[in-house]
Amino acid sequence: MTMGISGKIAQAFLRSKLTPLVTVAALATGVFAILAIPREEEPQISVPMIDVFAGLPGASPQETENLLARPIEQLTGRSSSYIVRETVAVTCPKVRPRRPVGCAQ
């Protein structure tokens, strides 16, 4: 049976005397990385994005846009720390209180 390229590479590593050295070097590098990378319990990361979920049960798409989406856009757009990139308004025919996101059929 002929070996493909991966079989030949595996066979070369199995026969090589450098394989244990490469393995030990890789493990040592991993241990060094774990010990050297600084860690914080609560890092101070600034994420300039928010998700706002609001519902208007029984409203038409136009009502949802005019009465809910646009006022929320105007309120959130006043902050200079983030930019409103996208607004999505979902109209659900049935609203189930246990499913806060999306439409439940």
PDB file of N, CA and C in Angstrom:
ATOM      1  N   MET A   1       0.838  -1.164   0.000  1.00  0.00           N
ATOM      2  CA  MET A   1       0.000   0.000   0.000  1.00  0.00           C
ATOM      3  C   MET A   1       0.896   1.245   0.000  1.00  0.00           C
ATOM      4  N   THR A   2       0.574   2.182  -0.868  1.00  0.00           N
ATOM      5  CA  THR A   2       1.386   3.394  -0.957  1.00  0.00           C
ATOM      6  C   THR A   2       0.839   4.439   0.018  1.00  0.00           C
ATOM      7  N   MET A   3       1.779   5.220   0.581  1.00  0.00           N
ATOM      8  CA  MET A   3       1.394   6.251   1.531  1.00  0.00           C
ATOM      9  C   MET A   3       1.263   7.584   0.824  1.00  0.00           C
ATOM     10  N   GLY A   4       0.331   8.374   1.301  1.00  0.00           N
ATOM     11  CA  GLY A   4       0.183   9.736   0.800  1.00  0.00           C
ATOM     12  C   GLY A   4       1.164  10.657   1.504  1.00  0.00           C
ATOM     13  N   ILE A   5       1.001  11.936   1.258  1.00  0.00           N
ATOM     14  CA  ILE A   5       1.920  12.918   1.819  1.00  0.00           C
ATOM     15  C   ILE A   5       1.829  12.957   3.346  1.00  0.00           C
ATOM     16  N   SER A   6       0.620  12.842   3.902  1.00  0.00           N
ATOM     17  CA  SER A   6       0.490  12.886   5.361  1.00  0.00           C
ATOM     18  C   SER A   6       1.101  11.659   6.013  1.00  0.00           C
ATOM     19  N   GLY A   7       0.981  10.512   5.370  1.00  0.00           N
ATOM     20  CA  GLY A   7       1.605   9.294   5.890  1.00  0.00           C
ATOM     21  C   GLY A   7       3.119   9.389   5.882  1.00  0.00           C
ATOM     22  N   LYS A   8       3.666   9.978   4.833  1.00  0.00           N
ATOM     23  CA  LYS A   8       5.118  10.141   4.760  1.00  0.00           C
ATOM     24  C   LYS A   8       5.630  11.108   5.818  1.00  0.00           C
ATOM     25  N   ILE A   9       4.890  12.181   6.044  1.00  0.00           N
ATOM     26  CA  ILE A   9       5.282  13.145   7.081  1.00  0.00           C
ATOM     27  C   ILE A   9       5.208  12.490   8.455  1.00  0.00           C
ATOM     28  N   ALA A  10       4.140  11.736   8.726  1.00  0.00           N
ATOM     29  CA  ALA A  10       4.000  11.051  10.010  1.00  0.00           C
ATOM     30  C   ALA A  10       5.119  10.046  10.211  1.00  0.00           C
ATOM     31  N   GLN A  11       5.453   9.313   9.177  1.00  0.00           N
ATOM     32  CA  GLN A  11       6.529   8.325   9.271  1.00  0.00           C
ATOM     33  C   GLN A  11       7.875   9.006   9.543  1.00  0.00           C
ATOM     34  N   ALA A  12       8.101  10.143   8.918  1.00  0.00           N
ATOM     35  CA  ALA A  12       9.344  10.877   9.150  1.00  0.00           C
ATOM     36  C   ALA A  12       9.428  11.349  10.599  1.00  0.00           C
ATOM     37  N   PHE A  13       8.321  11.815  11.173  1.00  0.00           N
ATOM     38  CA  PHE A  13       8.334  12.244  12.572  1.00  0.00           C
ATOM     39  C   PHE A  13       8.485  11.067  13.517  1.00  0.00           C
ATOM     40  N   LEU A  14       7.909   9.933  13.187  1.00  0.00           N
ATOM     41  CA  LEU A  14       8.034   8.762  14.051  1.00  0.00           C
ATOM     42  C   LEU A  14       9.461   8.229  14.085  1.00  0.00           C
ATOM     43  N   ARG A  15      10.191   8.351  13.009  1.00  0.00           N
ATOM     44  CA  ARG A  15      11.567   7.836  12.931  1.00  0.00           C
ATOM     45  C   ARG A  15      12.612   8.857  13.374  1.00  0.00           C
ATOM     46  N   SER A  16      12.241  10.118  13.439  1.00  0.00           N
ATOM     47  CA  SER A  16      13.205  11.172  13.744  1.00  0.00           C
ATOM     48  C   SER A  16      13.541  11.216  15.230  1.00  0.00           C
ATOM     49  N   LYS A  17      14.800  11.532  15.525  1.00  0.00           N
ATOM     50  CA  LYS A  17      15.234  11.688  16.913  1.00  0.00           C
ATOM     51  C   LYS A  17      14.942  13.103  17.419  1.00  0.00           C
ATOM     52  N   LEU A  18      14.505  13.993  16.531  1.00  0.00           N
ATOM     53  CA  LEU A  18      14.179  15.354  16.929  1.00  0.00           C
ATOM     54  C   LEU A  18      12.740  15.493  17.434  1.00  0.00           C
ATOM     55  N   THR A  19      11.911  14.493  17.200  1.00  0.00           N
ATOM     56  CA  THR A  19      10.506  14.576  17.586  1.00  0.00           C
ATOM     57  C   THR A  19      10.318  14.827  19.082  1.00  0.00           C
ATOM     58  N   PRO A  20      11.003  14.101  19.978  1.00  0.00           N
ATOM     59  CA  PRO A  20      10.838  14.407  21.412  1.00  0.00           C
ATOM     60  C   PRO A  20      11.286  15.827  21.763  1.00  0.00           C
ATOM     61  N   LEU A  21      12.334  16.319  21.117  1.00  0.00           N
ATOM     62  CA  LEU A  21      12.808  17.674  21.379  1.00  0.00           C
ATOM     63  C   LEU A  21      11.771  18.707  20.940  1.00  0.00           C
ATOM     64  N   VAL A  22      11.186  18.519  19.776  1.00  0.00           N
ATOM     65  CA  VAL A  22      10.150  19.431  19.288  1.00  0.00           C
ATOM     66  C   VAL A  22       8.939  19.401  20.221  1.00  0.00           C
ATOM     67  N   THR A  23       8.564  18.223  20.705  1.00  0.00           N
ATOM     68  CA  THR A  23       7.432  18.088  21.618  1.00  0.00           C
ATOM     69  C   THR A  23       7.699  18.811  22.939  1.00  0.00           C
ATOM     70  N   VAL A  24       8.873  18.617  23.499  1.00  0.00           N
ATOM     71  CA  VAL A  24       9.227  19.277  24.762  1.00  0.00           C
ATOM     72  C   VAL A  24       9.286  20.791  24.570  1.00  0.00           C
ATOM     73  N   ALA A  25       9.831  21.249  23.439  1.00  0.00           N
ATOM     74  CA  ALA A  25       9.897  22.688  23.168  1.00  0.00           C
ATOM     75  C   ALA A  25       8.491  23.278  23.048  1.00  0.00           C
ATOM     76  N   ALA A  26       7.584  22.575  22.390  1.00  0.00           N
ATOM     77  CA  ALA A  26       6.202  23.061  22.249  1.00  0.00           C
ATOM     78  C   ALA A  26       5.509  23.126  23.607  1.00  0.00           C
ATOM     79  N   LEU A  27       5.680  22.110  24.434  1.00  0.00           N
ATOM     80  CA  LEU A  27       5.090  22.116  25.769  1.00  0.00           C
ATOM     81  C   LEU A  27       5.677  23.227  26.633  1.00  0.00           C
ATOM     82  N   ALA A  28       6.998  23.425  26.570  1.00  0.00           N
ATOM     83  CA  ALA A  28       7.638  24.488  27.342  1.00  0.00           C
ATOM     84  C   ALA A  28       7.152  25.863  26.903  1.00  0.00           C
ATOM     85  N   THR A  29       6.973  26.051  25.611  1.00  0.00           N
ATOM     86  CA  THR A  29       6.457  27.321  25.107  1.00  0.00           C
ATOM     87  C   THR A  29       5.038  27.559  25.610  1.00  0.00           C
ATOM     88  N   GLY A  30       4.224  26.531  25.639  1.00  0.00           N
ATOM     89  CA  GLY A  30       2.857  26.654  26.142  1.00  0.00           C
ATOM     90  C   GLY A  30       2.809  26.996  27.621  1.00  0.00           C
ATOM     91  N   VAL A  31       3.652  26.332  28.417  1.00  0.00           N
ATOM     92  CA  VAL A  31       3.709  26.625  29.851  1.00  0.00           C
ATOM     93  C   VAL A  31       4.196  28.055  30.075  1.00  0.00           C
ATOM     94  N   PHE A  32       5.210  28.468  29.329  1.00  0.00           N
ATOM     95  CA  PHE A  32       5.716  29.840  29.445  1.00  0.00           C
ATOM     96  C   PHE A  32       4.623  30.848  29.096  1.00  0.00           C
ATOM     97  N   ALA A  33       3.862  30.572  28.048  1.00  0.00           N
ATOM     98  CA  ALA A  33       2.786  31.488  27.641  1.00  0.00           C
ATOM     99  C   ALA A  33       1.724  31.588  28.725  1.00  0.00           C
ATOM    100  N   ILE A  34       1.376  30.472  29.337  1.00  0.00           N
ATOM    101  CA  ILE A  34       0.366  30.485  30.402  1.00  0.00           C
ATOM    102  C   ILE A  34       0.856  31.311  31.588  1.00  0.00           C
ATOM    103  N   LEU A  35       2.115  31.173  31.932  1.00  0.00           N
ATOM    104  CA  LEU A  35       2.659  31.888  33.091  1.00  0.00           C
ATOM    105  C   LEU A  35       2.956  33.353  32.797  1.00  0.00           C
ATOM    106  N   ALA A  36       3.320  33.673  31.562  1.00  0.00           N
ATOM    107  CA  ALA A  36       3.775  35.024  31.239  1.00  0.00           C
ATOM    108  C   ALA A  36       2.653  35.989  30.862  1.00  0.00           C
ATOM    109  N   ILE A  37       1.545  35.485  30.338  1.00  0.00           N
ATOM    110  CA  ILE A  37       0.465  36.372  29.902  1.00  0.00           C
ATOM    111  C   ILE A  37      -0.249  36.930  31.131  1.00  0.00           C
ATOM    112  N   PRO A  38      -0.359  38.254  31.230  1.00  0.00           N
ATOM    113  CA  PRO A  38      -1.026  38.833  32.400  1.00  0.00           C
ATOM    114  C   PRO A  38      -2.530  38.529  32.385  1.00  0.00           C
ATOM    115  N   ARG A  39      -3.047  38.284  33.596  1.00  0.00           N
ATOM    116  CA  ARG A  39      -4.468  37.971  33.729  1.00  0.00           C
ATOM    117  C   ARG A  39      -5.075  38.868  34.794  1.00  0.00           C
ATOM    118  N   GLU A  40      -6.350  39.213  34.589  1.00  0.00           N
ATOM    119  CA  GLU A  40      -7.107  39.970  35.574  1.00  0.00           C
ATOM    120  C   GLU A  40      -8.442  39.274  35.791  1.00  0.00           C
ATOM    121  N   GLU A  41      -8.918  39.358  37.021  1.00  0.00           N
ATOM    122  CA  GLU A  41     -10.210  38.737  37.298  1.00  0.00           C
ATOM    123  C   GLU A  41     -11.332  39.459  36.578  1.00  0.00           C
ATOM    124  N   GLU A  42     -11.278  40.779  36.587  1.00  0.00           N
ATOM    125  CA  GLU A  42     -12.273  41.576  35.889  1.00  0.00           C
ATOM    126  C   GLU A  42     -11.563  42.608  35.017  1.00  0.00           C
ATOM    127  N   PRO A  43     -11.177  42.228  33.805  1.00  0.00           N
ATOM    128  CA  PRO A  43     -10.456  43.180  32.953  1.00  0.00           C
ATOM    129  C   PRO A  43     -11.358  44.332  32.514  1.00  0.00           C
ATOM    130  N   GLN A  44     -10.768  45.491  32.402  1.00  0.00           N
ATOM    131  CA  GLN A  44     -11.510  46.682  31.994  1.00  0.00           C
ATOM    132  C   GLN A  44     -11.507  46.767  30.469  1.00  0.00           C
ATOM    133  N   ILE A  45     -12.527  46.201  29.856  1.00  0.00           N
ATOM    134  CA  ILE A  45     -12.643  46.180  28.402  1.00  0.00           C
ATOM    135  C   ILE A  45     -13.802  47.089  28.013  1.00  0.00           C
ATOM    136  N   SER A  46     -13.548  48.004  27.128  1.00  0.00           N
ATOM    137  CA  SER A  46     -14.587  48.905  26.658  1.00  0.00           C
ATOM    138  C   SER A  46     -15.155  48.380  25.342  1.00  0.00           C
ATOM    139  N   VAL A  47     -16.418  48.024  25.358  1.00  0.00           N
ATOM    140  CA  VAL A  47     -17.093  47.529  24.159  1.00  0.00           C
ATOM    141  C   VAL A  47     -18.088  48.600  23.720  1.00  0.00           C
ATOM    142  N   PRO A  48     -17.818  49.288  22.622  1.00  0.00           N
ATOM    143  CA  PRO A  48     -18.698  50.389  22.201  1.00  0.00           C
ATOM    144  C   PRO A  48     -19.941  49.897  21.462  1.00  0.00           C
ATOM    145  N   MET A  49     -20.699  49.001  22.112  1.00  0.00           N
ATOM    146  CA  MET A  49     -21.874  48.449  21.456  1.00  0.00           C
ATOM    147  C   MET A  49     -22.895  48.079  22.529  1.00  0.00           C
ATOM    148  N   ILE A  50     -24.148  48.272  22.229  1.00  0.00           N
ATOM    149  CA  ILE A  50     -25.214  47.833  23.121  1.00  0.00           C
ATOM    150  C   ILE A  50     -26.277  47.136  22.295  1.00  0.00           C
ATOM    151  N   ASP A  51     -27.015  46.269  22.943  1.00  0.00           N
ATOM    152  CA  ASP A  51     -28.175  45.629  22.339  1.00  0.00           C
ATOM    153  C   ASP A  51     -29.397  46.101  23.115  1.00  0.00           C
ATOM    154  N   VAL A  52     -30.394  46.593  22.397  1.00  0.00           N
ATOM    155  CA  VAL A  52     -31.630  47.041  23.025  1.00  0.00           C
ATOM    156  C   VAL A  52     -32.756  46.184  22.474  1.00  0.00           C
ATOM    157  N   PHE A  53     -33.506  45.556  23.373  1.00  0.00           N
ATOM    158  CA  PHE A  53     -34.651  44.757  22.974  1.00  0.00           C
ATOM    159  C   PHE A  53     -35.899  45.409  23.546  1.00  0.00           C
ATOM    160  N   ALA A  54     -36.848  45.707  22.693  1.00  0.00           N
ATOM    161  CA  ALA A  54     -38.098  46.321  23.138  1.00  0.00           C
ATOM    162  C   ALA A  54     -39.233  45.708  22.335  1.00  0.00           C
ATOM    163  N   GLY A  55     -40.370  45.578  22.943  1.00  0.00           N
ATOM    164  CA  GLY A  55     -41.503  44.966  22.255  1.00  0.00           C
ATOM    165  C   GLY A  55     -42.714  45.869  22.227  1.00  0.00           C
ATOM    166  N   LEU A  56     -43.487  45.705  21.197  1.00  0.00           N
ATOM    167  CA  LEU A  56     -44.755  46.421  21.057  1.00  0.00           C
ATOM    168  C   LEU A  56     -45.765  45.413  20.491  1.00  0.00           C
ATOM    169  N   PRO A  57     -46.323  44.563  21.350  1.00  0.00           N
ATOM    170  CA  PRO A  57     -47.196  43.486  20.873  1.00  0.00           C
ATOM    171  C   PRO A  57     -48.416  44.009  20.126  1.00  0.00           C
ATOM    172  N   GLY A  58     -48.695  43.369  19.006  1.00  0.00           N
ATOM    173  CA  GLY A  58     -49.876  43.693  18.223  1.00  0.00           C
ATOM    174  C   GLY A  58     -49.739  44.887  17.301  1.00  0.00           C
ATOM    175  N   ALA A  59     -48.577  45.506  17.265  1.00  0.00           N
ATOM    176  CA  ALA A  59     -48.390  46.689  16.416  1.00  0.00           C
ATOM    177  C   ALA A  59     -47.971  46.273  15.015  1.00  0.00           C
ATOM    178  N   SER A  60     -48.322  47.113  14.056  1.00  0.00           N
ATOM    179  CA  SER A  60     -47.908  46.855  12.673  1.00  0.00           C
ATOM    180  C   SER A  60     -46.433  47.224  12.523  1.00  0.00           C
ATOM    181  N   PRO A  61     -45.797  46.806  11.436  1.00  0.00           N
ATOM    182  CA  PRO A  61     -44.392  47.176  11.231  1.00  0.00           C
ATOM    183  C   PRO A  61     -44.170  48.686  11.211  1.00  0.00           C
ATOM    184  N   GLN A  62     -45.073  49.428  10.593  1.00  0.00           N
ATOM    185  CA  GLN A  62     -44.931  50.884  10.553  1.00  0.00           C
ATOM    186  C   GLN A  62     -45.058  51.496  11.957  1.00  0.00           C
ATOM    187  N   GLU A  63     -46.019  51.000  12.742  1.00  0.00           N
ATOM    188  CA  GLU A  63     -46.172  51.485  14.112  1.00  0.00           C
ATOM    189  C   GLU A  63     -44.942  51.154  14.953  1.00  0.00           C
ATOM    190  N   THR A  64     -44.423  49.960  14.785  1.00  0.00           N
ATOM    191  CA  THR A  64     -43.230  49.553  15.527  1.00  0.00           C
ATOM    192  C   THR A  64     -42.063  50.464  15.195  1.00  0.00           C
ATOM    193  N   GLU A  65     -41.907  50.774  13.916  1.00  0.00           N
ATOM    194  CA  GLU A  65     -40.806  51.651  13.506  1.00  0.00           C
ATOM    195  C   GLU A  65     -40.988  53.058  14.065  1.00  0.00           C
ATOM    196  N   ASN A  66     -42.176  53.617  13.895  1.00  0.00           N
ATOM    197  CA  ASN A  66     -42.420  55.017  14.286  1.00  0.00           C
ATOM    198  C   ASN A  66     -42.518  55.214  15.795  1.00  0.00           C
ATOM    199  N   LEU A  67     -43.156  54.274  16.498  1.00  0.00           N
ATOM    200  CA  LEU A  67     -43.395  54.468  17.923  1.00  0.00           C
ATOM    201  C   LEU A  67     -42.302  53.877  18.812  1.00  0.00           C
ATOM    202  N   LEU A  68     -41.514  52.963  18.267  1.00  0.00           N
ATOM    203  CA  LEU A  68     -40.537  52.270  19.107  1.00  0.00           C
ATOM    204  C   LEU A  68     -39.110  52.431  18.609  1.00  0.00           C
ATOM    205  N   ALA A  69     -38.861  52.019  17.360  1.00  0.00           N
ATOM    206  CA  ALA A  69     -37.490  51.977  16.857  1.00  0.00           C
ATOM    207  C   ALA A  69     -36.867  53.370  16.717  1.00  0.00           C
ATOM    208  N   ARG A  70     -37.577  54.287  16.096  1.00  0.00           N
ATOM    209  CA  ARG A  70     -37.008  55.636  15.883  1.00  0.00           C
ATOM    210  C   ARG A  70     -36.741  56.387  17.192  1.00  0.00           C
ATOM    211  N   PRO A  71     -37.668  56.387  18.151  1.00  0.00           N
ATOM    212  CA  PRO A  71     -37.343  57.061  19.419  1.00  0.00           C
ATOM    213  C   PRO A  71     -36.147  56.434  20.141  1.00  0.00           C
ATOM    214  N   ILE A  72     -36.041  55.115  20.103  1.00  0.00           N
ATOM    215  CA  ILE A  72     -34.889  54.466  20.744  1.00  0.00           C
ATOM    216  C   ILE A  72     -33.610  54.839  20.016  1.00  0.00           C
ATOM    217  N   GLU A  73     -33.636  54.884  18.688  1.00  0.00           N
ATOM    218  CA  GLU A  73     -32.463  55.308  17.916  1.00  0.00           C
ATOM    219  C   GLU A  73     -32.040  56.718  18.302  1.00  0.00           C
ATOM    220  N   GLN A  74     -33.009  57.612  18.445  1.00  0.00           N
ATOM    221  CA  GLN A  74     -32.690  58.997  18.795  1.00  0.00           C
ATOM    222  C   GLN A  74     -32.086  59.083  20.188  1.00  0.00           C
ATOM    223  N   LEU A  75     -32.617  58.317  21.130  1.00  0.00           N
ATOM    224  CA  LEU A  75     -32.077  58.341  22.488  1.00  0.00           C
ATOM    225  C   LEU A  75     -30.671  57.753  22.556  1.00  0.00           C
ATOM    226  N   THR A  76     -30.462  56.630  21.880  1.00  0.00           N
ATOM    227  CA  THR A  76     -29.137  55.998  21.936  1.00  0.00           C
ATOM    228  C   THR A  76     -28.135  56.735  21.064  1.00  0.00           C
ATOM    229  N   GLY A  77     -28.588  57.434  20.038  1.00  0.00           N
ATOM    230  CA  GLY A  77     -27.678  58.166  19.163  1.00  0.00           C
ATOM    231  C   GLY A  77     -27.108  59.417  19.784  1.00  0.00           C
ATOM    232  N   ARG A  78     -27.636  59.840  20.919  1.00  0.00           N
ATOM    233  CA  ARG A  78     -27.150  61.055  21.582  1.00  0.00           C
ATOM    234  C   ARG A  78     -25.810  60.847  22.269  1.00  0.00           C
ATOM    235  N   SER A  79     -25.483  59.606  22.593  1.00  0.00           N
ATOM    236  CA  SER A  79     -24.210  59.345  23.271  1.00  0.00           C
ATOM    237  C   SER A  79     -23.075  59.389  22.262  1.00  0.00           C
ATOM    238  N   SER A  80     -21.969  59.991  22.658  1.00  0.00           N
ATOM    239  CA  SER A  80     -20.830  60.076  21.744  1.00  0.00           C
ATOM    240  C   SER A  80     -19.904  58.875  21.871  1.00  0.00           C
ATOM    241  N   SER A  81     -20.181  57.969  22.833  1.00  0.00           N
ATOM    242  CA  SER A  81     -19.283  56.839  23.044  1.00  0.00           C
ATOM    243  C   SER A  81     -19.533  55.681  22.086  1.00  0.00           C
ATOM    244  N   TYR A  82     -20.645  55.681  21.384  1.00  0.00           N
ATOM    245  CA  TYR A  82     -20.907  54.634  20.410  1.00  0.00           C
ATOM    246  C   TYR A  82     -21.782  55.187  19.292  1.00  0.00           C
ATOM    247  N   ILE A  83     -21.826  54.438  18.201  1.00  0.00           N
ATOM    248  CA  ILE A  83     -22.567  54.860  17.014  1.00  0.00           C
ATOM    249  C   ILE A  83     -23.629  53.816  16.713  1.00  0.00           C
ATOM    250  N   VAL A  84     -24.841  54.263  16.377  1.00  0.00           N
ATOM    251  CA  VAL A  84     -25.897  53.332  15.987  1.00  0.00           C
ATOM    252  C   VAL A  84     -25.620  52.892  14.559  1.00  0.00           C
ATOM    253  N   ARG A  85     -25.300  51.619  14.390  1.00  0.00           N
ATOM    254  CA  ARG A  85     -24.991  51.087  13.063  1.00  0.00           C
ATOM    255  C   ARG A  85     -26.191  50.426  12.412  1.00  0.00           C
ATOM    256  N   GLU A  86     -26.974  49.749  13.210  1.00  0.00           N
ATOM    257  CA  GLU A  86     -28.040  48.946  12.628  1.00  0.00           C
ATOM    258  C   GLU A  86     -29.215  48.900  13.595  1.00  0.00           C
ATOM    259  N   THR A  87     -30.401  48.985  13.050  1.00  0.00           N
ATOM    260  CA  THR A  87     -31.616  48.852  13.844  1.00  0.00           C
ATOM    261  C   THR A  87     -32.468  47.779  13.202  1.00  0.00           C
ATOM    262  N   VAL A  88     -32.930  46.849  14.020  1.00  0.00           N
ATOM    263  CA  VAL A  88     -33.780  45.772  13.528  1.00  0.00           C
ATOM    264  C   VAL A  88     -35.040  45.770  14.367  1.00  0.00           C
ATOM    265  N   ALA A  89     -36.183  45.885  13.723  1.00  0.00           N
ATOM    266  CA  ALA A  89     -37.476  45.814  14.406  1.00  0.00           C
ATOM    267  C   ALA A  89     -38.179  44.549  13.933  1.00  0.00           C
ATOM    268  N   VAL A  90     -38.639  43.754  14.883  1.00  0.00           N
ATOM    269  CA  VAL A  90     -39.293  42.488  14.564  1.00  0.00           C
ATOM    270  C   VAL A  90     -40.736  42.571  15.025  1.00  0.00           C
ATOM    271  N   THR A  91     -41.643  42.228  14.137  1.00  0.00           N
ATOM    272  CA  THR A  91     -43.056  42.200  14.479  1.00  0.00           C
ATOM    273  C   THR A  91     -43.469  40.744  14.647  1.00  0.00           C
ATOM    274  N   CYS A  92     -43.967  40.401  15.817  1.00  0.00           N
ATOM    275  CA  CYS A  92     -44.337  39.020  16.119  1.00  0.00           C
ATOM    276  C   CYS A  92     -45.850  38.891  16.154  1.00  0.00           C
ATOM    277  N   PRO A  93     -46.405  37.921  15.443  1.00  0.00           N
ATOM    278  CA  PRO A  93     -47.850  37.733  15.474  1.00  0.00           C
ATOM    279  C   PRO A  93     -48.331  37.237  16.831  1.00  0.00           C
ATOM    280  N   LYS A  94     -47.529  36.411  17.513  1.00  0.00           N
ATOM    281  CA  LYS A  94     -47.863  35.909  18.845  1.00  0.00           C
ATOM    282  C   LYS A  94     -46.693  36.252  19.754  1.00  0.00           C
ATOM    283  N   VAL A  95     -46.986  36.761  20.904  1.00  0.00           N
ATOM    284  CA  VAL A  95     -45.928  37.103  21.842  1.00  0.00           C
ATOM    285  C   VAL A  95     -46.040  36.182  23.040  1.00  0.00           C
ATOM    286  N   ARG A  96     -44.945  35.467  23.329  1.00  0.00           N
ATOM    287  CA  ARG A  96     -44.872  34.612  24.502  1.00  0.00           C
ATOM    288  C   ARG A  96     -43.872  35.229  25.477  1.00  0.00           C
ATOM    289  N   PRO A  97     -44.287  35.496  26.701  1.00  0.00           N
ATOM    290  CA  PRO A  97     -43.395  36.172  27.623  1.00  0.00           C
ATOM    291  C   PRO A  97     -42.129  35.394  27.973  1.00  0.00           C
ATOM    292  N   ARG A  98     -42.101  34.090  27.808  1.00  0.00           N
ATOM    293  CA  ARG A  98     -40.916  33.307  28.151  1.00  0.00           C
ATOM    294  C   ARG A  98     -39.872  33.315  27.054  1.00  0.00           C
ATOM    295  N   ARG A  99     -40.149  33.890  25.909  1.00  0.00           N
ATOM    296  CA  ARG A  99     -39.196  33.975  24.804  1.00  0.00           C
ATOM    297  C   ARG A  99     -38.912  35.427  24.530  1.00  0.00           C
ATOM    298  N   PRO A 100     -37.863  36.019  25.124  1.00  0.00           N
ATOM    299  CA  PRO A 100     -37.644  37.443  24.965  1.00  0.00           C
ATOM    300  C   PRO A 100     -37.094  37.873  23.611  1.00  0.00           C
ATOM    301  N   VAL A 101     -36.498  36.951  22.844  1.00  0.00           N
ATOM    302  CA  VAL A 101     -35.850  37.331  21.585  1.00  0.00           C
ATOM    303  C   VAL A 101     -36.509  36.586  20.433  1.00  0.00           C
ATOM    304  N   GLY A 102     -36.816  37.291  19.349  1.00  0.00           N
ATOM    305  CA  GLY A 102     -37.340  36.659  18.143  1.00  0.00           C
ATOM    306  C   GLY A 102     -38.823  36.382  18.234  1.00  0.00           C
ATOM    307  N   CYS A 103     -39.336  35.830  17.166  1.00  0.00           N
ATOM    308  CA  CYS A 103     -40.765  35.510  17.100  1.00  0.00           C
ATOM    309  C   CYS A 103     -40.978  34.041  17.375  1.00  0.00           C
ATOM    310  N   ALA A 104     -41.916  33.717  18.207  1.00  0.00           N
ATOM    311  CA  ALA A 104     -42.255  32.327  18.486  1.00  0.00           C
ATOM    312  C   ALA A 104     -43.530  31.977  17.721  1.00  0.00           C
ATOM    313  N   GLN A 105     -43.483  30.902  17.003  1.00  0.00           N
ATOM    314  CA  GLN A 105     -44.652  30.470  16.229  1.00  0.00           C
ATOM    315  C   GLN A 105     -45.436  29.437  16.983  1.00  0.00           C
TER     316      GLN A 105
END
